[in-house]
C-alpha atoms as a PDB file:
ATOM      1  CA  MET A   1      10.011  -5.291 -18.891  1.00  0.00           C
ATOM      2  CA  PRO A   2      11.857  -8.398 -17.721  1.00  0.00           C
ATOM      3  CA  SER A   3      12.295  -9.116 -14.030  1.00  0.00           C
ATOM      4  CA  LEU A   4      14.977 -11.052 -12.591  1.00  0.00           C
ATOM      5  CA  GLN A   5      14.093 -13.196  -9.240  1.00  0.00           C
ATOM      6  CA  GLY A   6      16.720 -14.080  -6.860  1.00  0.00           C
ATOM      7  CA  ILE A   7      16.791 -16.772  -4.460  1.00  0.00           C
ATOM      8  CA  PHE A   8      18.430 -16.580  -1.377  1.00  0.00           C
ATOM      9  CA  ASP A   9      18.806 -18.695   1.787  1.00  0.00           C
ATOM     10  CA  ALA A  10      19.430 -15.592   4.257  1.00  0.00           C
ATOM     11  CA  PRO A  11      18.155 -12.084   4.771  1.00  0.00           C
ATOM     12  CA  GLY A  12      21.566 -10.413   5.050  1.00  0.00           C
ATOM     13  CA  PRO A  13      22.635 -10.935   1.411  1.00  0.00           C
ATOM     14  CA  VAL A  14      18.885  -9.770   0.283  1.00  0.00           C
ATOM     15  CA  ALA A  15      19.524  -6.681   1.930  1.00  0.00           C
ATOM     16  CA  GLU A  16      22.805  -6.179   0.676  1.00  0.00           C
ATOM     17  CA  ALA A  17      21.983  -7.070  -2.602  1.00  0.00           C
ATOM     18  CA  ALA A  18      18.878  -4.309  -2.643  1.00  0.00           C
ATOM     19  CA  LYS A  19      20.635  -1.486  -1.555  1.00  0.00           C
ATOM     20  CA  ARG A  20      23.154  -2.175  -3.857  1.00  0.00           C
ATOM     21  CA  LEU A  21      20.447  -2.465  -6.564  1.00  0.00           C
ATOM     22  CA  ARG A  22      18.848   0.825  -5.393  1.00  0.00           C
ATOM     23  CA  ASN A  23      22.153   2.557  -5.170  1.00  0.00           C
ATOM     24  CA  ARG A  24      22.609   1.706  -8.854  1.00  0.00           C
ATOM     25  CA  GLY A  25      19.363   3.016 -10.029  1.00  0.00           C
ATOM     26  CA  PHE A  26      17.007   0.142  -9.933  1.00  0.00           C
ATOM     27  CA  SER A  27      13.562   1.233  -8.252  1.00  0.00           C
ATOM     28  CA  ASP A  28      11.251  -1.381  -9.198  1.00  0.00           C
ATOM     29  CA  LEU A  29      12.783  -4.301  -6.354  1.00  0.00           C
ATOM     30  CA  GLU A  30      10.196  -6.536  -4.529  1.00  0.00           C
ATOM     31  CA  ILE A  31      11.524  -8.302  -1.507  1.00  0.00           C
ATOM     32  CA  TYR A  32       9.688 -11.711  -0.398  1.00  0.00           C
ATOM     33  CA  ALA A  33      10.552 -13.346   3.019  1.00  0.00           C
ATOM     34  CA  PRO A  34       8.810 -15.844   5.122  1.00  0.00           C
ATOM     35  CA  ALA A  35       8.851 -13.725   8.481  1.00  0.00           C
ATOM     36  CA  ALA A  36       9.697 -10.014   9.391  1.00  0.00           C
ATOM     37  CA  PHE A  37      13.389  -8.986   9.198  1.00  0.00           C
ATOM     38  CA  PRO A  38      14.121  -5.236  10.141  1.00  0.00           C
ATOM     39  CA  GLU A  39      17.107  -5.349   7.584  1.00  0.00           C
ATOM     40  CA  LEU A  40      14.559  -5.940   4.442  1.00  0.00           C
ATOM     41  CA  ASP A  41      12.651  -3.391   5.735  1.00  0.00           C
ATOM     42  CA  ASP A  42      15.792  -0.773   6.029  1.00  0.00           C
ATOM     43  CA  ALA A  43      16.993  -2.019   2.394  1.00  0.00           C
ATOM     44  CA  LEU A  44      13.981  -0.962   0.444  1.00  0.00           C
ATOM     45  CA  ASP A  45      12.930   2.785   0.553  1.00  0.00           C
ATOM     46  CA  THR A  46       9.150   2.278   1.160  1.00  0.00           C
ATOM     47  CA  LYS A  47       6.902   5.232   0.036  1.00  0.00           C
ATOM     48  CA  PRO A  48       3.856   5.702   2.269  1.00  0.00           C
ATOM     49  CA  SER A  49       0.717   3.931   1.445  1.00  0.00           C
ATOM     50  CA  ARG A  50      -2.173   5.150  -0.777  1.00  0.00           C
ATOM     51  CA  VAL A  51      -4.618   3.934   1.503  1.00  0.00           C
ATOM     52  CA  ARG A  52      -4.491   7.390   3.773  1.00  0.00           C
ATOM     53  CA  LEU A  53      -5.765   9.493   0.678  1.00  0.00           C
ATOM     54  CA  PHE A  54      -8.955   7.078   0.813  1.00  0.00           C
ATOM     55  CA  THR A  55      -9.075   7.850   4.491  1.00  0.00           C
ATOM     56  CA  LEU A  56      -8.753  11.655   4.273  1.00  0.00           C
ATOM     57  CA  ILE A  57     -11.290  12.056   1.387  1.00  0.00           C
ATOM     58  CA  GLY A  58     -13.402  10.066   2.802  1.00  0.00           C
ATOM     59  CA  GLY A  59     -13.462  11.856   6.284  1.00  0.00           C
ATOM     60  CA  LEU A  60     -13.695  14.875   4.415  1.00  0.00           C
ATOM     61  CA  ILE A  61     -16.805  13.709   2.624  1.00  0.00           C
ATOM     62  CA  GLY A  62     -18.130  12.548   5.775  1.00  0.00           C
ATOM     63  CA  VAL A  63     -17.703  15.585   7.757  1.00  0.00           C
ATOM     64  CA  VAL A  64     -19.181  17.814   4.940  1.00  0.00           C
ATOM     65  CA  THR A  65     -22.361  15.247   4.803  1.00  0.00           C
ATOM     66  CA  GLY A  66     -22.909  15.163   8.580  1.00  0.00           C
ATOM     67  CA  TYR A  67     -23.148  18.960   8.756  1.00  0.00           C
ATOM     68  CA  ALA A  68     -24.950  19.407   5.484  1.00  0.00           C
ATOM     69  CA  MET A  69     -27.366  16.422   6.359  1.00  0.00           C
ATOM     70  CA  ALA A  70     -28.182  18.296   9.804  1.00  0.00           C
ATOM     71  CA  ILE A  71     -28.552  21.718   8.458  1.00  0.00           C
ATOM     72  CA  TRP A  72     -30.591  21.036   5.610  1.00  0.00           C
ATOM     73  CA  MET A  73     -32.796  18.996   8.059  1.00  0.00           C
ATOM     74  CA  SER A  74     -33.259  21.770  10.426  1.00  0.00           C
ATOM     75  CA  ILE A  75     -33.905  24.342   7.639  1.00  0.00           C
ATOM     76  CA  ASP A  76     -36.525  22.065   6.075  1.00  0.00           C
ATOM     77  CA  TRP A  77     -38.338  21.213   9.485  1.00  0.00           C
ATOM     78  CA  PRO A  78     -37.876  24.442  11.719  1.00  0.00           C
ATOM     79  CA  VAL A  79     -38.465  24.033  15.393  1.00  0.00           C
ATOM     80  CA  MET A  80     -37.537  27.306  17.353  1.00  0.00           C
ATOM     81  CA  ILE A  81     -36.485  26.173  20.868  1.00  0.00           C
ATOM     82  CA  GLY A  82     -35.451  28.907  23.246  1.00  0.00           C
ATOM     83  CA  GLY A  83     -34.619  31.374  20.399  1.00  0.00           C
ATOM     84  CA  LYS A  84     -31.681  29.552  19.051  1.00  0.00           C
ATOM     85  CA  PRO A  85     -31.093  29.563  15.094  1.00  0.00           C
ATOM     86  CA  PHE A  86     -32.258  26.614  13.115  1.00  0.00           C
ATOM     87  CA  ALA A  87     -29.078  25.929  11.948  1.00  0.00           C
ATOM     88  CA  SER A  88     -26.553  26.030  14.769  1.00  0.00           C
ATOM     89  CA  ILE A  89     -23.198  24.611  14.231  1.00  0.00           C
ATOM     90  CA  PRO A  90     -21.987  23.747  17.371  1.00  0.00           C
ATOM     91  CA  THR A  91     -25.100  21.224  18.053  1.00  0.00           C
ATOM     92  CA  TYR A  92     -23.975  19.432  14.643  1.00  0.00           C
ATOM     93  CA  THR A  93     -20.478  18.684  15.554  1.00  0.00           C
ATOM     94  CA  VAL A  94     -21.379  15.070  16.761  1.00  0.00           C
ATOM     95  CA  ILE A  95     -22.982  14.340  13.835  1.00  0.00           C
ATOM     96  CA  GLY A  96     -20.552  15.494  11.773  1.00  0.00           C
ATOM     97  CA  PHE A  97     -17.907  13.669  13.980  1.00  0.00           C
ATOM     98  CA  GLU A  98     -19.544  10.254  13.361  1.00  0.00           C
ATOM     99  CA  LEU A  99     -20.039  10.473   9.655  1.00  0.00           C
ATOM    100  CA  THR A 100     -16.422  11.192   9.393  1.00  0.00           C
ATOM    101  CA  ILE A 101     -15.420   8.324  11.593  1.00  0.00           C
ATOM    102  CA  LEU A 102     -18.100   5.999   9.325  1.00  0.00           C
ATOM    103  CA  PHE A 103     -17.051   7.728   5.935  1.00  0.00           C
ATOM    104  CA  GLY A 104     -13.393   7.448   6.474  1.00  0.00           C
ATOM    105  CA  GLY A 105     -13.413   3.962   7.780  1.00  0.00           C
ATOM    106  CA  LEU A 106     -15.467   2.799   4.627  1.00  0.00           C
ATOM    107  CA  ALA A 107     -12.996   4.699   2.639  1.00  0.00           C
ATOM    108  CA  THR A 108     -10.124   3.069   3.931  1.00  0.00           C
ATOM    109  CA  LEU A 109     -11.692  -0.344   3.461  1.00  0.00           C
ATOM    110  CA  LEU A 110     -12.274   0.546   0.088  1.00  0.00           C
ATOM    111  CA  GLY A 111      -8.618   1.445  -0.365  1.00  0.00           C
ATOM    112  CA  LEU A 112      -7.250  -1.532   1.025  1.00  0.00           C
ATOM    113  CA  LEU A 113      -9.177  -3.698  -1.407  1.00  0.00           C
ATOM    114  CA  ILE A 114      -8.170  -1.241  -4.423  1.00  0.00           C
ATOM    115  CA  VAL A 115      -4.516  -0.474  -3.663  1.00  0.00           C
ATOM    116  CA  GLY A 116      -3.958  -4.436  -2.064  1.00  0.00           C
ATOM    117  CA  ARG A 117      -5.372  -5.716  -5.513  1.00  0.00           C
ATOM    118  CA  LEU A 118      -8.255  -7.934  -3.579  1.00  0.00           C
ATOM    119  CA  PRO A 119      -9.539 -10.026  -4.370  1.00  0.00           C
ATOM    120  CA  TYR A 120      -7.016 -11.436  -6.646  1.00  0.00           C
ATOM    121  CA  GLY A 121      -9.369 -12.394  -9.228  1.00  0.00           C
ATOM    122  CA  SER A 122     -10.579  -9.361 -10.124  1.00  0.00           C
ATOM    123  CA  PHE A 123      -7.871  -7.090 -10.188  1.00  0.00           C
ATOM    124  CA  GLY A 124      -5.009  -8.826 -12.174  1.00  0.00           C
ATOM    125  CA  GLY A 125      -3.943 -12.019  -9.989  1.00  0.00           C
ATOM    126  CA  HIS A 126      -1.267 -13.003  -8.191  1.00  0.00           C
ATOM    127  CA  ASP A 127       2.413 -12.082  -8.897  1.00  0.00           C
ATOM    128  CA  LYS A 128       4.062 -13.982 -11.483  1.00  0.00           C
ATOM    129  CA  ALA A 129       7.227 -13.492  -9.478  1.00  0.00           C
ATOM    130  CA  TYR A 130       6.121 -14.953  -6.487  1.00  0.00           C
ATOM    131  CA  ASP A 131       7.269 -18.441  -5.268  1.00  0.00           C
ATOM    132  CA  VAL A 132       6.145 -20.708  -2.715  1.00  0.00           C
ATOM    133  CA  ARG A 133       9.532 -21.295  -1.409  1.00  0.00           C
ATOM    134  CA  PHE A 134       9.299 -17.643  -0.210  1.00  0.00           C
ATOM    135  CA  SER A 135       6.547 -18.476   2.447  1.00  0.00           C
ATOM    136  CA  ALA A 136       8.592 -21.383   4.121  1.00  0.00           C
ATOM    137  CA  GLU A 137      12.150 -20.705   4.480  1.00  0.00           C
ATOM    138  CA  GLU A 138      13.993 -19.049   1.548  1.00  0.00           C
ATOM    139  CA  PHE A 139      13.921 -15.256   0.700  1.00  0.00           C
ATOM    140  CA  GLY A 140      13.209 -13.716  -2.653  1.00  0.00           C
ATOM    141  CA  LEU A 141      14.341 -10.428  -4.412  1.00  0.00           C
ATOM    142  CA  VAL A 142      12.724  -9.427  -7.521  1.00  0.00           C
ATOM    143  CA  VAL A 143      14.120  -6.734  -9.863  1.00  0.00           C
ATOM    144  CA  GLY A 144      12.040  -4.867 -12.888  1.00  0.00           C
ATOM    145  CA  CYS A 145      14.868  -3.913 -14.970  1.00  0.00           C
ATOM    146  CA  ARG A 146      15.294  -3.434 -18.920  1.00  0.00           C
ATOM    147  CA  GLU A 147      16.423  -5.956 -21.359  1.00  0.00           C
ATOM    148  CA  ARG A 148      19.971  -4.374 -21.424  1.00  0.00           C
ATOM    149  CA  ASP A 149      20.516  -4.474 -17.517  1.00  0.00           C
ATOM    150  CA  VAL A 150      19.729  -8.027 -17.199  1.00  0.00           C
ATOM    151  CA  ALA A 151      23.431  -9.040 -17.345  1.00  0.00           C
ATOM    152  CA  GLU A 152      24.335  -6.561 -14.624  1.00  0.00           C
ATOM    153  CA  VAL A 153      21.787  -7.581 -12.246  1.00  0.00           C
ATOM    154  CA  ASP A 154      22.193 -11.041 -12.937  1.00  0.00           C
ATOM    155  CA  ALA A 155      25.440 -11.037 -11.984  1.00  0.00           C
ATOM    156  CA  LEU A 156      24.766  -8.909  -8.811  1.00  0.00           C
ATOM    157  CA  LEU A 157      22.300 -11.197  -7.653  1.00  0.00           C
ATOM    158  CA  ARG A 158      25.003 -14.153  -7.972  1.00  0.00           C
ATOM    159  CA  ALA A 159      27.785 -12.073  -6.461  1.00  0.00           C
ATOM    160  CA  HIS A 160      25.580 -11.514  -3.276  1.00  0.00           C
ATOM    161  CA  HIS A 161      24.952 -15.354  -3.121  1.00  0.00           C
ATOM    162  CA  ALA A 162      22.018 -16.181  -4.676  1.00  0.00           C
ATOM    163  CA  LYS A 163      21.473 -19.675  -4.844  1.00  0.00           C
ATOM    164  CA  GLU A 164      19.289 -19.346  -7.873  1.00  0.00           C
ATOM    165  CA  VAL A 165      18.270 -16.709 -10.364  1.00  0.00           C
ATOM    166  CA  ASN A 166      15.546 -16.676 -12.574  1.00  0.00           C
ATOM    167  CA  LEU A 167      14.217 -14.537 -15.509  1.00  0.00           C
ATOM    168  CA  VAL A 168      10.274 -13.788 -14.825  1.00  0.00           C
ATOM    169  CA  GLU A 169       8.563 -12.127 -17.683  1.00  0.00           C
ATOM    170  CA  ALA A 170       6.031  -9.232 -16.239  1.00  0.00           C
END
């Protein structure tokens, strides 16, 4: 599936082109900019990150591990204090909470590495559509499209004042 890379001088035309492409049904859009611009954020319909699922699963594993470990230890080494039951849930809440934070944080780090494809060498390398000019002063819009839509996307990018349009193989 080919991708077209449009290079722009200002964020306004990039945002307009991205909105127009999204309205025409193109969902594989990526914007590159040297700094954050609100109009570029509004142009893309971004989905929530999948990292939060890693955090949720890590936190749930942490709380279950915390309670299970404390209850198992209290049953394995029973110490009767003041007639209290061996496995008292309220007394183990601190341990469950602490392991929730620990496992949730470690799972978040793991999720950031996996979802962000870091480090680059082991998860597929750099994006082929990225250009070093996007870190300096120019803006890029990369559109993934089918072979039959290449001419339409090229014309749309040029109509929105793209100073250069390149075909990038994905």
